[in-house]
């Protein structure tokens, strides 16, 4: 299973399974971004909440210096942006 593809497709159940099976929540994909970044970019509040609850680093800087907050803003999700500003 490509967990990044599942996150991009907003497959919350696949993400839950990945985490329950011991998957690393702060993993960086081939593109240089984290799972939280991808969830934020897609505006997935439920995925962002789950990842943060399971220990995702909301302040992680990606290869280009951006954070998940940056990508939540780019993605246009006010709810996800608020979640990150409030610290999860």
PDB file of N, CA and C in Angstrom:
ATOM      1  N   UNK A   1       0.841  -1.181   0.000  1.00  0.00           N
ATOM      2  CA  UNK A   1       0.000   0.000   0.000  1.00  0.00           C
ATOM      3  C   UNK A   1       0.887   1.246   0.000  1.00  0.00           C
ATOM      4  N   UNK A   2       0.574   2.181  -0.872  1.00  0.00           N
ATOM      5  CA  UNK A   2       1.266   3.466  -0.901  1.00  0.00           C
ATOM      6  C   UNK A   2       0.480   4.431  -0.022  1.00  0.00           C
ATOM      7  N   UNK A   3       0.944   4.635   1.201  1.00  0.00           N
ATOM      8  CA  UNK A   3       0.195   5.430   2.168  1.00  0.00           C
ATOM      9  C   UNK A   3       0.050   6.877   1.709  1.00  0.00           C
ATOM     10  N   UNK A   4       1.001   7.388   0.978  1.00  0.00           N
ATOM     11  CA  UNK A   4       0.875   8.765   0.492  1.00  0.00           C
ATOM     12  C   UNK A   4      -0.267   8.888  -0.514  1.00  0.00           C
ATOM     13  N   UNK A   5      -0.395   7.902  -1.373  1.00  0.00           N
ATOM     14  CA  UNK A   5      -1.508   7.897  -2.334  1.00  0.00           C
ATOM     15  C   UNK A   5      -2.844   7.802  -1.586  1.00  0.00           C
ATOM     16  N   UNK A   6      -2.873   6.978  -0.542  1.00  0.00           N
ATOM     17  CA  UNK A   6      -4.105   6.834   0.238  1.00  0.00           C
ATOM     18  C   UNK A   6      -4.481   8.153   0.923  1.00  0.00           C
ATOM     19  N   UNK A   7      -3.488   8.860   1.442  1.00  0.00           N
ATOM     20  CA  UNK A   7      -3.755  10.155   2.066  1.00  0.00           C
ATOM     21  C   UNK A   7      -4.222  11.150   1.007  1.00  0.00           C
ATOM     22  N   UNK A   8      -3.575  11.168  -0.139  1.00  0.00           N
ATOM     23  CA  UNK A   8      -3.982  12.067  -1.216  1.00  0.00           C
ATOM     24  C   UNK A   8      -5.403  11.780  -1.683  1.00  0.00           C
ATOM     25  N   UNK A   9      -5.836  10.528  -1.563  1.00  0.00           N
ATOM     26  CA  UNK A   9      -7.194  10.145  -1.955  1.00  0.00           C
ATOM     27  C   UNK A   9      -8.178  10.225  -0.783  1.00  0.00           C
ATOM     28  N   UNK A  10      -7.707  10.779   0.345  1.00  0.00           N
ATOM     29  CA  UNK A  10      -8.534  10.986   1.535  1.00  0.00           C
ATOM     30  C   UNK A  10      -9.109   9.677   2.090  1.00  0.00           C
ATOM     31  N   UNK A  11      -8.305   8.622   2.050  1.00  0.00           N
ATOM     32  CA  UNK A  11      -8.734   7.309   2.542  1.00  0.00           C
ATOM     33  C   UNK A  11      -8.370   7.182   4.025  1.00  0.00           C
ATOM     34  N   UNK A  12      -9.263   7.658   4.871  1.00  0.00           N
ATOM     35  CA  UNK A  12      -9.030   7.671   6.311  1.00  0.00           C
ATOM     36  C   UNK A  12      -8.856   6.266   6.872  1.00  0.00           C
ATOM     37  N   UNK A  13      -9.628   5.322   6.386  1.00  0.00           N
ATOM     38  CA  UNK A  13      -9.533   3.937   6.881  1.00  0.00           C
ATOM     39  C   UNK A  13      -8.160   3.344   6.593  1.00  0.00           C
ATOM     40  N   UNK A  14      -7.604   3.619   5.417  1.00  0.00           N
ATOM     41  CA  UNK A  14      -6.265   3.119   5.080  1.00  0.00           C
ATOM     42  C   UNK A  14      -5.223   3.745   5.999  1.00  0.00           C
ATOM     43  N   UNK A  15      -5.385   5.031   6.318  1.00  0.00           N
ATOM     44  CA  UNK A  15      -4.447   5.695   7.223  1.00  0.00           C
ATOM     45  C   UNK A  15      -4.540   5.088   8.620  1.00  0.00           C
ATOM     46  N   UNK A  16      -5.750   4.840   9.095  1.00  0.00           N
ATOM     47  CA  UNK A  16      -5.918   4.206  10.407  1.00  0.00           C
ATOM     48  C   UNK A  16      -5.219   2.848  10.437  1.00  0.00           C
ATOM     49  N   UNK A  17      -5.408   2.051   9.396  1.00  0.00           N
ATOM     50  CA  UNK A  17      -4.775   0.731   9.321  1.00  0.00           C
ATOM     51  C   UNK A  17      -3.256   0.867   9.316  1.00  0.00           C
ATOM     52  N   UNK A  18      -2.732   1.793   8.529  1.00  0.00           N
ATOM     53  CA  UNK A  18      -1.296   2.041   8.456  1.00  0.00           C
ATOM     54  C   UNK A  18      -0.740   2.334   9.853  1.00  0.00           C
ATOM     55  N   UNK A  19      -1.426   3.198  10.603  1.00  0.00           N
ATOM     56  CA  UNK A  19      -0.974   3.567  11.944  1.00  0.00           C
ATOM     57  C   UNK A  19      -1.090   2.380  12.903  1.00  0.00           C
ATOM     58  N   UNK A  20      -2.216   1.680  12.860  1.00  0.00           N
ATOM     59  CA  UNK A  20      -2.404   0.514  13.729  1.00  0.00           C
ATOM     60  C   UNK A  20      -1.375  -0.582  13.458  1.00  0.00           C
ATOM     61  N   UNK A  21      -0.929  -0.667  12.214  1.00  0.00           N
ATOM     62  CA  UNK A  21       0.089  -1.654  11.843  1.00  0.00           C
ATOM     63  C   UNK A  21       1.503  -1.190  12.165  1.00  0.00           C
ATOM     64  N   UNK A  22       1.624  -0.025  12.823  1.00  0.00           N
ATOM     65  CA  UNK A  22       2.934   0.459  13.255  1.00  0.00           C
ATOM     66  C   UNK A  22       3.621   1.405  12.294  1.00  0.00           C
ATOM     67  N   UNK A  23       2.877   1.931  11.332  1.00  0.00           N
ATOM     68  CA  UNK A  23       3.467   2.862  10.361  1.00  0.00           C
ATOM     69  C   UNK A  23       3.944   4.145  11.024  1.00  0.00           C
ATOM     70  N   UNK A  24       5.008   4.707  10.508  1.00  0.00           N
ATOM     71  CA  UNK A  24       5.627   5.923  11.038  1.00  0.00           C
ATOM     72  C   UNK A  24       4.834   7.148  10.580  1.00  0.00           C
ATOM     73  N   UNK A  25       4.311   7.931  11.526  1.00  0.00           N
ATOM     74  CA  UNK A  25       3.488   9.087  11.159  1.00  0.00           C
ATOM     75  C   UNK A  25       4.312  10.266  10.637  1.00  0.00           C
ATOM     76  N   UNK A  26       5.599  10.306  10.947  1.00  0.00           N
ATOM     77  CA  UNK A  26       6.447  11.403  10.474  1.00  0.00           C
ATOM     78  C   UNK A  26       7.297  11.013   9.266  1.00  0.00           C
ATOM     79  N   UNK A  27       6.883   9.979   8.567  1.00  0.00           N
ATOM     80  CA  UNK A  27       7.612   9.534   7.385  1.00  0.00           C
ATOM     81  C   UNK A  27       7.582  10.620   6.305  1.00  0.00           C
ATOM     82  N   UNK A  28       8.670  10.716   5.571  1.00  0.00           N
ATOM     83  CA  UNK A  28       8.774  11.656   4.456  1.00  0.00           C
ATOM     84  C   UNK A  28       8.704  10.849   3.163  1.00  0.00           C
ATOM     85  N   UNK A  29       7.862  11.293   2.259  1.00  0.00           N
ATOM     86  CA  UNK A  29       7.692  10.594   0.984  1.00  0.00           C
ATOM     87  C   UNK A  29       8.736  10.979  -0.039  1.00  0.00           C
ATOM     88  N   UNK A  30       8.662  10.361  -1.198  1.00  0.00           N
ATOM     89  CA  UNK A  30       9.606  10.628  -2.287  1.00  0.00           C
ATOM     90  C   UNK A  30       9.602  12.094  -2.711  1.00  0.00           C
ATOM     91  N   UNK A  31       8.465  12.741  -2.524  1.00  0.00           N
ATOM     92  CA  UNK A  31       8.335  14.144  -2.921  1.00  0.00           C
ATOM     93  C   UNK A  31       8.977  15.098  -1.910  1.00  0.00           C
ATOM     94  N   UNK A  32       9.359  14.567  -0.730  1.00  0.00           N
ATOM     95  CA  UNK A  32       9.988  15.394   0.289  1.00  0.00           C
ATOM     96  C   UNK A  32       9.019  15.955   1.312  1.00  0.00           C
ATOM     97  N   UNK A  33       7.774  15.479   1.291  1.00  0.00           N
ATOM     98  CA  UNK A  33       6.761  15.979   2.210  1.00  0.00           C
ATOM     99  C   UNK A  33       6.264  14.872   3.120  1.00  0.00           C
ATOM    100  N   UNK A  34       5.726  15.275   4.268  1.00  0.00           N
ATOM    101  CA  UNK A  34       5.204  14.327   5.253  1.00  0.00           C
ATOM    102  C   UNK A  34       3.739  13.988   4.974  1.00  0.00           C
ATOM    103  N   UNK A  35       3.250  12.980   5.678  1.00  0.00           N
ATOM    104  CA  UNK A  35       1.836  12.617   5.579  1.00  0.00           C
ATOM    105  C   UNK A  35       0.953  13.768   6.051  1.00  0.00           C
ATOM    106  N   UNK A  36       1.351  14.416   7.141  1.00  0.00           N
ATOM    107  CA  UNK A  36       0.565  15.539   7.652  1.00  0.00           C
ATOM    108  C   UNK A  36       0.504  16.655   6.612  1.00  0.00           C
ATOM    109  N   UNK A  37       1.603  16.925   5.974  1.00  0.00           N
ATOM    110  CA  UNK A  37       1.627  17.950   4.936  1.00  0.00           C
ATOM    111  C   UNK A  37       0.630  17.624   3.834  1.00  0.00           C
ATOM    112  N   UNK A  38       0.622  16.381   3.381  1.00  0.00           N
ATOM    113  CA  UNK A  38      -0.297  15.967   2.316  1.00  0.00           C
ATOM    114  C   UNK A  38      -1.747  16.064   2.775  1.00  0.00           C
ATOM    115  N   UNK A  39      -2.025  15.653   4.003  1.00  0.00           N
ATOM    116  CA  UNK A  39      -3.389  15.747   4.527  1.00  0.00           C
ATOM    117  C   UNK A  39      -3.824  17.206   4.611  1.00  0.00           C
ATOM    118  N   UNK A  40      -2.937  18.071   5.053  1.00  0.00           N
ATOM    119  CA  UNK A  40      -3.249  19.494   5.167  1.00  0.00           C
ATOM    120  C   UNK A  40      -3.464  20.126   3.799  1.00  0.00           C
ATOM    121  N   UNK A  41      -2.634  19.759   2.860  1.00  0.00           N
ATOM    122  CA  UNK A  41      -2.760  20.282   1.498  1.00  0.00           C
ATOM    123  C   UNK A  41      -4.108  19.887   0.895  1.00  0.00           C
ATOM    124  N   UNK A  42      -4.580  18.703   1.222  1.00  0.00           N
ATOM    125  CA  UNK A  42      -5.869  18.201   0.718  1.00  0.00           C
ATOM    126  C   UNK A  42      -7.053  18.703   1.537  1.00  0.00           C
ATOM    127  N   UNK A  43      -6.769  19.378   2.652  1.00  0.00           N
ATOM    128  CA  UNK A  43      -7.842  19.904   3.483  1.00  0.00           C
ATOM    129  C   UNK A  43      -8.561  18.855   4.304  1.00  0.00           C
ATOM    130  N   UNK A  44      -7.890  17.764   4.599  1.00  0.00           N
ATOM    131  CA  UNK A  44      -8.515  16.673   5.333  1.00  0.00           C
ATOM    132  C   UNK A  44      -8.353  16.868   6.844  1.00  0.00           C
ATOM    133  N   UNK A  45      -9.378  17.433   7.454  1.00  0.00           N
ATOM    134  CA  UNK A  45      -9.355  17.701   8.887  1.00  0.00           C
ATOM    135  C   UNK A  45      -9.258  16.414   9.692  1.00  0.00           C
ATOM    136  N   UNK A  46     -10.028  15.399   9.322  1.00  0.00           N
ATOM    137  CA  UNK A  46     -10.001  14.131  10.063  1.00  0.00           C
ATOM    138  C   UNK A  46      -8.629  13.472  10.001  1.00  0.00           C
ATOM    139  N   UNK A  47      -7.998  13.492   8.842  1.00  0.00           N
ATOM    140  CA  UNK A  47      -6.656  12.899   8.719  1.00  0.00           C
ATOM    141  C   UNK A  47      -5.642  13.695   9.521  1.00  0.00           C
ATOM    142  N   UNK A  48      -5.730  15.012   9.440  1.00  0.00           N
ATOM    143  CA  UNK A  48      -4.799  15.854  10.193  1.00  0.00           C
ATOM    144  C   UNK A  48      -4.946  15.606  11.691  1.00  0.00           C
ATOM    145  N   UNK A  49      -6.190  15.550  12.166  1.00  0.00           N
ATOM    146  CA  UNK A  49      -6.416  15.273  13.586  1.00  0.00           C
ATOM    147  C   UNK A  49      -5.823  13.930  13.999  1.00  0.00           C
ATOM    148  N   UNK A  50      -6.067  12.913  13.183  1.00  0.00           N
ATOM    149  CA  UNK A  50      -5.558  11.571  13.492  1.00  0.00           C
ATOM    150  C   UNK A  50      -4.038  11.567  13.535  1.00  0.00           C
ATOM    151  N   UNK A  51      -3.410  12.138  12.542  1.00  0.00           N
ATOM    152  CA  UNK A  51      -1.945  12.154  12.488  1.00  0.00           C
ATOM    153  C   UNK A  51      -1.351  12.906  13.684  1.00  0.00           C
ATOM    154  N   UNK A  52      -1.937  14.039  14.025  1.00  0.00           N
ATOM    155  CA  UNK A  52      -1.445  14.818  15.159  1.00  0.00           C
ATOM    156  C   UNK A  52      -1.647  14.043  16.466  1.00  0.00           C
ATOM    157  N   UNK A  53      -2.802  13.417  16.623  1.00  0.00           N
ATOM    158  CA  UNK A  53      -3.077  12.624  17.828  1.00  0.00           C
ATOM    159  C   UNK A  53      -2.100  11.467  17.971  1.00  0.00           C
ATOM    160  N   UNK A  54      -1.579  10.992  16.838  1.00  0.00           N
ATOM    161  CA  UNK A  54      -0.645   9.855  16.857  1.00  0.00           C
ATOM    162  C   UNK A  54       0.807  10.300  16.839  1.00  0.00           C
ATOM    163  N   UNK A  55       1.052  11.601  17.026  1.00  0.00           N
ATOM    164  CA  UNK A  55       2.419  12.084  17.190  1.00  0.00           C
ATOM    165  C   UNK A  55       3.050  12.777  16.001  1.00  0.00           C
ATOM    166  N   UNK A  56       2.285  13.104  14.970  1.00  0.00           N
ATOM    167  CA  UNK A  56       2.876  13.821  13.833  1.00  0.00           C
ATOM    168  C   UNK A  56       3.387  15.185  14.297  1.00  0.00           C
ATOM    169  N   UNK A  57       4.541  15.544  13.803  1.00  0.00           N
ATOM    170  CA  UNK A  57       5.202  16.799  14.172  1.00  0.00           C
ATOM    171  C   UNK A  57       4.607  17.942  13.349  1.00  0.00           C
ATOM    172  N   UNK A  58       3.824  18.813  13.994  1.00  0.00           N
ATOM    173  CA  UNK A  58       3.182  19.896  13.247  1.00  0.00           C
ATOM    174  C   UNK A  58       4.177  20.978  12.822  1.00  0.00           C
ATOM    175  N   UNK A  59       5.360  20.993  13.399  1.00  0.00           N
ATOM    176  CA  UNK A  59       6.363  21.999  13.059  1.00  0.00           C
ATOM    177  C   UNK A  59       7.464  21.468  12.139  1.00  0.00           C
ATOM    178  N   UNK A  60       7.326  20.238  11.672  1.00  0.00           N
ATOM    179  CA  UNK A  60       8.338  19.657  10.795  1.00  0.00           C
ATOM    180  C   UNK A  60       8.513  20.516   9.540  1.00  0.00           C
ATOM    181  N   UNK A  61       9.768  20.773   9.215  1.00  0.00           N
ATOM    182  CA  UNK A  61      10.067  21.505   7.982  1.00  0.00           C
ATOM    183  C   UNK A  61      10.380  20.497   6.884  1.00  0.00           C
ATOM    184  N   UNK A  62       9.829  20.774   5.725  1.00  0.00           N
ATOM    185  CA  UNK A  62      10.026  19.888   4.587  1.00  0.00           C
ATOM    186  C   UNK A  62      11.249  20.331   3.792  1.00  0.00           C
ATOM    187  N   UNK A  63      11.554  19.626   2.727  1.00  0.00           N
ATOM    188  CA  UNK A  63      12.796  19.871   1.980  1.00  0.00           C
ATOM    189  C   UNK A  63      12.920  21.327   1.528  1.00  0.00           C
ATOM    190  N   UNK A  64      11.798  21.999   1.318  1.00  0.00           N
ATOM    191  CA  UNK A  64      11.827  23.379   0.831  1.00  0.00           C
ATOM    192  C   UNK A  64      11.658  24.405   1.953  1.00  0.00           C
ATOM    193  N   UNK A  65      11.651  23.935   3.201  1.00  0.00           N
ATOM    194  CA  UNK A  65      11.509  24.821   4.349  1.00  0.00           C
ATOM    195  C   UNK A  65      10.074  25.078   4.768  1.00  0.00           C
ATOM    196  N   UNK A  66       9.121  24.577   4.001  1.00  0.00           N
ATOM    197  CA  UNK A  66       7.715  24.790   4.333  1.00  0.00           C
ATOM    198  C   UNK A  66       7.282  23.871   5.474  1.00  0.00           C
ATOM    199  N   UNK A  67       6.161  24.222   6.090  1.00  0.00           N
ATOM    200  CA  UNK A  67       5.565  23.392   7.139  1.00  0.00           C
ATOM    201  C   UNK A  67       4.157  22.991   6.691  1.00  0.00           C
ATOM    202  N   UNK A  68       3.540  22.146   7.457  1.00  0.00           N
ATOM    203  CA  UNK A  68       2.173  21.727   7.144  1.00  0.00           C
ATOM    204  C   UNK A  68       1.207  22.906   7.208  1.00  0.00           C
ATOM    205  N   UNK A  69       1.477  23.867   8.078  1.00  0.00           N
ATOM    206  CA  UNK A  69       0.640  25.064   8.152  1.00  0.00           C
ATOM    207  C   UNK A  69       0.645  25.804   6.815  1.00  0.00           C
ATOM    208  N   UNK A  70       1.811  25.929   6.237  1.00  0.00           N
ATOM    209  CA  UNK A  70       1.920  26.576   4.922  1.00  0.00           C
ATOM    210  C   UNK A  70       1.007  25.874   3.920  1.00  0.00           C
ATOM    211  N   UNK A  71       1.062  24.553   3.891  1.00  0.00           N
ATOM    212  CA  UNK A  71       0.287  23.794   2.906  1.00  0.00           C
ATOM    213  C   UNK A  71      -1.197  23.773   3.224  1.00  0.00           C
ATOM    214  N   UNK A  72      -1.575  23.896   4.499  1.00  0.00           N
ATOM    215  CA  UNK A  72      -2.992  24.021   4.844  1.00  0.00           C
ATOM    216  C   UNK A  72      -3.541  25.335   4.285  1.00  0.00           C
ATOM    217  N   UNK A  73      -2.730  26.389   4.382  1.00  0.00           N
ATOM    218  CA  UNK A  73      -3.144  27.687   3.827  1.00  0.00           C
ATOM    219  C   UNK A  73      -3.248  27.624   2.306  1.00  0.00           C
ATOM    220  N   UNK A  74      -2.261  27.031   1.675  1.00  0.00           N
ATOM    221  CA  UNK A  74      -2.285  26.880   0.213  1.00  0.00           C
ATOM    222  C   UNK A  74      -3.506  26.077  -0.217  1.00  0.00           C
ATOM    223  N   UNK A  75      -3.815  25.024   0.552  1.00  0.00           N
ATOM    224  CA  UNK A  75      -4.957  24.178   0.237  1.00  0.00           C
ATOM    225  C   UNK A  75      -6.300  24.839   0.514  1.00  0.00           C
ATOM    226  N   UNK A  76      -6.287  25.930   1.267  1.00  0.00           N
ATOM    227  CA  UNK A  76      -7.496  26.697   1.503  1.00  0.00           C
ATOM    228  C   UNK A  76      -8.410  26.175   2.593  1.00  0.00           C
ATOM    229  N   UNK A  77      -7.907  25.316   3.474  1.00  0.00           N
ATOM    230  CA  UNK A  77      -8.752  24.774   4.530  1.00  0.00           C
ATOM    231  C   UNK A  77      -8.596  25.584   5.809  1.00  0.00           C
ATOM    232  N   UNK A  78      -9.608  26.382   6.107  1.00  0.00           N
ATOM    233  CA  UNK A  78      -9.585  27.193   7.318  1.00  0.00           C
ATOM    234  C   UNK A  78      -9.570  26.312   8.568  1.00  0.00           C
ATOM    235  N   UNK A  79     -10.346  25.202   8.532  1.00  0.00           N
ATOM    236  CA  UNK A  79     -10.419  24.313   9.687  1.00  0.00           C
ATOM    237  C   UNK A  79      -9.073  23.670  10.002  1.00  0.00           C
ATOM    238  N   UNK A  80      -8.387  23.193   8.960  1.00  0.00           N
ATOM    239  CA  UNK A  80      -7.078  22.567   9.171  1.00  0.00           C
ATOM    240  C   UNK A  80      -6.065  23.617   9.612  1.00  0.00           C
ATOM    241  N   UNK A  81      -6.143  24.798   9.022  1.00  0.00           N
ATOM    242  CA  UNK A  81      -5.244  25.882   9.411  1.00  0.00           C
ATOM    243  C   UNK A  81      -5.423  26.218  10.886  1.00  0.00           C
ATOM    244  N   UNK A  82      -6.669  26.338  11.337  1.00  0.00           N
ATOM    245  CA  UNK A  82      -6.942  26.605  12.754  1.00  0.00           C
ATOM    246  C   UNK A  82      -6.396  25.495  13.644  1.00  0.00           C
ATOM    247  N   UNK A  83      -6.589  24.248  13.230  1.00  0.00           N
ATOM    248  CA  UNK A  83      -6.093  23.110  14.013  1.00  0.00           C
ATOM    249  C   UNK A  83      -4.590  23.223  14.231  1.00  0.00           C
ATOM    250  N   UNK A  84      -3.864  23.545  13.181  1.00  0.00           N
ATOM    251  CA  UNK A  84      -2.401  23.629  13.285  1.00  0.00           C
ATOM    252  C   UNK A  84      -1.977  24.829  14.130  1.00  0.00           C
ATOM    253  N   UNK A  85      -2.649  25.959  13.952  1.00  0.00           N
ATOM    254  CA  UNK A  85      -2.308  27.147  14.739  1.00  0.00           C
ATOM    255  C   UNK A  85      -2.545  26.889  16.230  1.00  0.00           C
ATOM    256  N   UNK A  86      -3.608  26.165  16.528  1.00  0.00           N
ATOM    257  CA  UNK A  86      -3.925  25.845  17.918  1.00  0.00           C
ATOM    258  C   UNK A  86      -3.040  24.733  18.474  1.00  0.00           C
ATOM    259  N   UNK A  87      -2.160  24.213  17.634  1.00  0.00           N
ATOM    260  CA  UNK A  87      -1.200  23.214  18.090  1.00  0.00           C
ATOM    261  C   UNK A  87      -1.731  21.810  18.111  1.00  0.00           C
ATOM    262  N   UNK A  88      -2.793  21.564  17.352  1.00  0.00           N
ATOM    263  CA  UNK A  88      -3.327  20.204  17.259  1.00  0.00           C
ATOM    264  C   UNK A  88      -4.434  20.019  18.229  1.00  0.00           C
TER     265      UNK A  88
END
